[in-house]
Amino acid sequence: MSEPMLKVEALEVRYGAIDALKGISLEVRAGEVVTIIGGNGAGKSTLMKTISGLEPAAAGSVLFEGRDITKLAGHERVALGIAQSPEGRQVFPDQTVRDNLMLGAYHRKITPAQLAADIDAQFAIFPRLHERQAQMAGTLSGGEQQMLAIARALMAKPKLLLLDEPSLGLAPLIVKEIFGVIRSLKSHGVTILLVEQMANQALAVAERGYVLETGRITIEGTGADLRRDPRVRAAYLGEH
């Protein structure tokens, strides 16, 4: 079996005296969707920020395509092929939709024609962004901002896409649309690490998953196995 695209080994992150991550180990293989579920404060977003280079690791390592990137800055990881759609969207509110997409490709050495073609490709995935392309991102709805955050990350042409809580705060119909996009990306071979509180939907789209509780991985398995696990069903799927 080939080496994982992403391999996290014994990762620890501390905020002062608080241990946010306590020896996390996980892996993501090319073409997989892997999900991480867990309650508020479990450490999910801290894990994603550490993988993308926004939080320093206190111990352990992050390997990407066999290379140790634990000490690399965030922009260096983007150049290697890791892009994140962050929790809370974090679009550039005073820039247009089109400008936000252009910023997603800032590090790529491409021609204006290539840039325009890549933006059109995102408009094909997210038709609503095409309608709103001249609108300031801060005036978009929450669902539209989430679409923009994902599209902006895809403009980096990532090998690994990190999606942090893409359904957070969205109406059910928009959540369904977002998960439809995730399924479409999966069908096109995009490798995704997904952090999501809507555990049932996340496990349904994922090949494998990990349960993160108070900074530790407590359960792991295939998406189907985790959906059947009585501990997961009781804690995260609302079944007792």
Protein backbone atom coordinates (compact mmCIF):
# COMPACT_ATOMS: atom_id res chain seq x y z
CA MET A 1 0.00 0.00 0.00
CA SER A 2 1.25 3.48 -0.89
CA GLU A 3 2.24 6.03 1.71
CA PRO A 4 -0.57 8.29 2.98
CA MET A 5 -0.79 11.76 1.49
CA LEU A 6 -1.14 13.17 5.01
CA LYS A 7 0.23 11.48 8.12
CA VAL A 8 -0.11 13.04 11.57
CA GLU A 9 1.94 11.32 14.26
CA ALA A 10 1.68 11.83 18.06
CA LEU A 11 0.72 15.48 17.55
CA GLU A 12 0.50 17.69 20.62
CA VAL A 13 -0.63 21.31 20.79
CA ARG A 14 -0.69 23.44 23.92
CA TYR A 15 -2.24 26.81 24.75
CA GLY A 16 -0.20 27.79 27.79
CA ALA A 17 -0.92 25.17 30.44
CA ILE A 18 -3.84 23.70 28.46
CA ASP A 19 -3.22 20.57 26.39
CA ALA A 20 -5.45 21.08 23.34
CA LEU A 21 -4.22 18.01 21.41
CA LYS A 22 -2.78 15.02 23.25
CA GLY A 23 -0.89 12.69 20.93
CA ILE A 24 -3.10 12.71 17.82
CA SER A 25 -2.25 10.25 15.05
CA LEU A 26 -4.23 9.94 11.81
CA GLU A 27 -3.75 9.57 8.08
CA VAL A 28 -5.43 10.53 4.82
CA ARG A 29 -4.75 8.71 1.55
CA ALA A 30 -5.01 10.19 -1.91
CA GLY A 31 -8.60 10.32 -3.14
CA GLU A 32 -10.15 9.74 0.27
CA VAL A 33 -12.64 11.79 2.20
CA VAL A 34 -11.76 11.41 5.88
CA THR A 35 -13.91 13.06 8.53
CA ILE A 36 -13.25 14.09 12.12
CA ILE A 37 -16.26 14.36 14.40
CA GLY A 38 -16.50 15.49 17.98
CA GLY A 39 -18.20 17.94 20.31
CA ASN A 40 -17.42 21.59 20.90
CA GLY A 41 -13.98 22.05 22.44
CA ALA A 42 -12.75 18.63 21.35
CA GLY A 43 -9.81 20.14 19.46
CA LYS A 44 -11.06 19.71 15.88
CA SER A 45 -10.31 23.21 14.64
CA THR A 46 -7.00 23.26 16.50
CA LEU A 47 -6.04 20.09 14.64
CA MET A 48 -6.96 21.63 11.27
CA LYS A 49 -5.05 24.83 12.03
CA THR A 50 -1.98 22.82 13.03
CA ILE A 51 -2.11 20.79 9.82
CA SER A 52 -2.37 23.98 7.77
CA GLY A 53 0.43 25.70 9.68
CA LEU A 54 -1.59 28.28 11.62
CA GLU A 55 -0.86 26.74 15.02
CA PRO A 56 2.56 25.44 16.12
CA ALA A 57 2.95 21.85 17.27
CA ALA A 58 4.41 21.32 20.73
CA ALA A 59 5.38 17.74 19.85
CA GLY A 60 4.81 15.14 17.17
CA SER A 61 4.91 15.61 13.41
CA VAL A 62 2.88 16.38 10.30
CA LEU A 63 4.00 14.59 7.13
CA PHE A 64 2.70 15.52 3.67
CA GLU A 65 3.55 13.24 0.76
CA GLY A 66 6.34 11.77 2.88
CA ARG A 67 7.86 15.16 3.74
CA ASP A 68 8.01 16.48 7.29
CA ILE A 69 6.23 19.85 7.18
CA THR A 70 5.83 20.31 10.94
CA LYS A 71 7.99 23.45 11.00
CA LEU A 72 6.82 24.95 7.70
CA ALA A 73 4.83 28.18 7.66
CA GLY A 74 1.25 28.19 6.43
CA HIS A 75 2.00 29.80 3.05
CA GLU A 76 4.69 27.19 2.41
CA ARG A 77 2.15 24.43 3.00
CA VAL A 78 -0.26 26.08 0.57
CA ALA A 79 2.48 26.04 -2.06
CA LEU A 80 2.95 22.29 -1.44
CA GLY A 81 -0.74 21.64 -2.02
CA ILE A 82 -2.69 22.09 1.25
CA ALA A 83 -5.59 24.56 1.29
CA GLN A 84 -8.14 25.20 4.00
CA SER A 85 -11.70 26.48 4.03
CA PRO A 86 -11.73 27.72 7.64
CA GLU A 87 -14.37 27.59 10.31
CA GLY A 88 -16.52 30.70 10.10
CA ARG A 89 -15.76 31.17 6.37
CA GLN A 90 -13.44 34.19 6.86
CA VAL A 91 -13.98 35.64 3.42
CA PHE A 92 -12.53 39.07 2.65
CA PRO A 93 -15.70 41.12 3.26
CA ASP A 94 -14.64 44.32 1.48
CA GLN A 95 -13.55 42.48 -1.67
CA THR A 96 -15.85 41.21 -4.41
CA VAL A 97 -16.58 37.54 -4.92
CA ARG A 98 -14.31 37.51 -7.96
CA ASP A 99 -11.49 39.22 -6.05
CA ASN A 100 -11.80 36.64 -3.24
CA LEU A 101 -11.38 33.89 -5.80
CA MET A 102 -8.37 35.59 -7.34
CA LEU A 103 -6.78 35.82 -3.89
CA GLY A 104 -7.17 32.07 -3.52
CA ALA A 105 -4.74 31.64 -6.41
CA TYR A 106 -2.24 34.27 -5.28
CA HIS A 107 0.71 31.88 -5.04
CA ARG A 108 0.23 30.23 -8.42
CA LYS A 109 2.27 31.33 -11.40
CA ILE A 110 -0.46 31.34 -14.05
CA THR A 111 -1.54 33.53 -16.93
CA PRO A 112 -4.61 35.81 -16.77
CA ALA A 113 -6.35 33.41 -19.15
CA GLN A 114 -5.66 30.45 -16.85
CA LEU A 115 -6.88 32.45 -13.86
CA ALA A 116 -10.09 33.38 -15.67
CA ALA A 117 -10.64 29.73 -16.67
CA ASP A 118 -10.15 28.57 -13.08
CA ILE A 119 -12.63 31.17 -11.82
CA ASP A 120 -15.14 30.02 -14.44
CA ALA A 121 -14.63 26.44 -13.20
CA GLN A 122 -15.63 27.54 -9.70
CA PHE A 123 -18.66 29.35 -11.10
CA ALA A 124 -19.66 26.07 -12.73
CA ILE A 125 -19.52 24.35 -9.33
CA PHE A 126 -21.20 27.27 -7.53
CA PRO A 127 -23.57 29.02 -9.97
CA ARG A 128 -24.74 31.40 -7.26
CA LEU A 129 -21.22 32.83 -7.02
CA HIS A 130 -21.38 33.61 -10.73
CA GLU A 131 -24.54 35.61 -10.09
CA ARG A 132 -22.85 37.43 -7.20
CA GLN A 133 -19.37 37.83 -8.70
CA ALA A 134 -19.34 41.65 -8.52
CA GLN A 135 -20.91 41.75 -5.05
CA MET A 136 -18.92 42.45 -1.90
CA ALA A 137 -18.34 39.19 -0.06
CA GLY A 138 -19.44 40.68 3.26
CA THR A 139 -22.95 41.21 1.87
CA LEU A 140 -23.45 37.54 0.92
CA SER A 141 -25.63 35.17 2.92
CA GLY A 142 -23.94 32.67 5.22
CA GLY A 143 -24.44 29.88 2.71
CA GLU A 144 -23.03 31.95 -0.13
CA GLN A 145 -20.01 32.89 1.99
CA GLN A 146 -19.43 29.19 2.70
CA MET A 147 -19.53 28.43 -1.01
CA LEU A 148 -17.06 31.25 -1.58
CA ALA A 149 -14.71 29.97 1.15
CA ILE A 150 -14.65 26.50 -0.44
CA ALA A 151 -14.24 27.92 -3.95
CA ARG A 152 -11.41 30.20 -2.78
CA ALA A 153 -9.60 27.18 -1.30
CA LEU A 154 -10.10 25.24 -4.54
CA MET A 155 -8.53 28.12 -6.48
CA ALA A 156 -5.24 27.11 -4.86
CA LYS A 157 -5.50 23.80 -6.78
CA PRO A 158 -4.88 21.80 -3.58
CA LYS A 159 -3.86 18.19 -3.41
CA LEU A 160 -5.46 18.14 0.05
CA LEU A 161 -8.53 20.22 0.87
CA LEU A 162 -9.24 20.93 4.54
CA LEU A 163 -12.90 21.72 5.25
CA ASP A 164 -13.53 23.01 8.77
CA GLU A 165 -17.21 22.97 9.77
CA PRO A 166 -18.66 23.78 6.32
CA SER A 167 -22.26 23.39 7.54
CA LEU A 168 -21.90 25.58 10.64
CA GLY A 169 -24.87 27.91 11.10
CA LEU A 170 -26.47 27.11 7.75
CA ALA A 171 -30.09 26.30 6.92
CA PRO A 172 -30.86 22.63 6.14
CA LEU A 173 -31.34 23.21 2.41
CA ILE A 174 -27.96 24.94 2.17
CA VAL A 175 -26.32 22.15 4.20
CA LYS A 176 -27.70 19.66 1.69
CA GLU A 177 -26.22 21.73 -1.14
CA ILE A 178 -22.82 21.95 0.55
CA PHE A 179 -22.70 18.18 1.07
CA GLY A 180 -23.69 17.75 -2.57
CA VAL A 181 -20.61 19.77 -3.50
CA ILE A 182 -18.44 17.61 -1.23
CA ARG A 183 -19.76 14.48 -2.94
CA SER A 184 -19.06 16.01 -6.34
CA LEU A 185 -15.49 16.90 -5.35
CA LYS A 186 -15.04 13.35 -4.04
CA SER A 187 -16.24 11.92 -7.36
CA HIS A 188 -13.59 14.01 -9.11
CA GLY A 189 -10.84 12.57 -6.90
CA VAL A 190 -10.28 15.53 -4.57
CA THR A 191 -8.69 14.42 -1.29
CA ILE A 192 -10.58 15.95 1.64
CA LEU A 193 -10.13 16.11 5.41
CA LEU A 194 -13.49 17.18 6.79
CA VAL A 195 -14.25 18.46 10.29
CA GLU A 196 -17.98 18.48 10.84
CA GLN A 197 -20.49 18.52 13.70
CA MET A 198 -23.24 17.05 11.52
CA ALA A 199 -21.85 13.59 12.10
CA ASN A 200 -24.38 11.56 10.16
CA GLN A 201 -23.87 13.49 6.92
CA ALA A 202 -20.10 13.58 7.39
CA LEU A 203 -19.79 9.83 7.99
CA ALA A 204 -22.09 9.11 5.06
CA VAL A 205 -19.74 10.87 2.62
CA ALA A 206 -16.45 9.68 4.20
CA GLU A 207 -14.48 6.52 3.58
CA ARG A 208 -13.06 6.72 7.09
CA GLY A 209 -13.53 8.75 10.22
CA TYR A 210 -12.05 9.60 13.60
CA VAL A 211 -13.83 10.61 16.79
CA LEU A 212 -11.98 13.35 18.68
CA GLU A 213 -12.81 13.90 22.34
CA THR A 214 -10.98 16.35 24.63
CA GLY A 215 -7.87 16.34 22.47
CA ARG A 216 -7.64 12.57 21.93
CA ILE A 217 -8.85 10.22 19.21
CA THR A 218 -11.09 7.72 20.96
CA ILE A 219 -12.65 5.78 18.05
CA GLU A 220 -11.69 5.30 14.41
CA GLY A 221 -12.99 3.23 11.53
CA THR A 222 -14.78 3.34 8.21
CA GLY A 223 -17.60 5.81 7.83
CA ALA A 224 -20.09 2.94 7.69
CA ASP A 225 -18.67 1.26 10.80
CA LEU A 226 -18.77 4.48 12.80
CA ARG A 227 -22.39 5.09 11.80
CA ARG A 228 -23.21 1.65 13.23
CA ASP A 229 -21.09 2.01 16.37
CA PRO A 230 -23.44 2.32 19.37
CA ARG A 231 -21.09 4.76 21.10
CA VAL A 232 -21.11 7.08 18.08
CA ARG A 233 -24.84 6.66 17.60
CA ALA A 234 -25.52 7.61 21.21
CA ALA A 235 -23.11 10.53 21.40
CA TYR A 236 -23.28 12.06 17.93
CA LEU A 237 -26.24 10.69 15.98
CA GLY A 238 -28.86 11.33 18.63
CA GLU A 239 -29.78 7.67 19.15
CA HIS A 240 -29.94 6.16 22.63
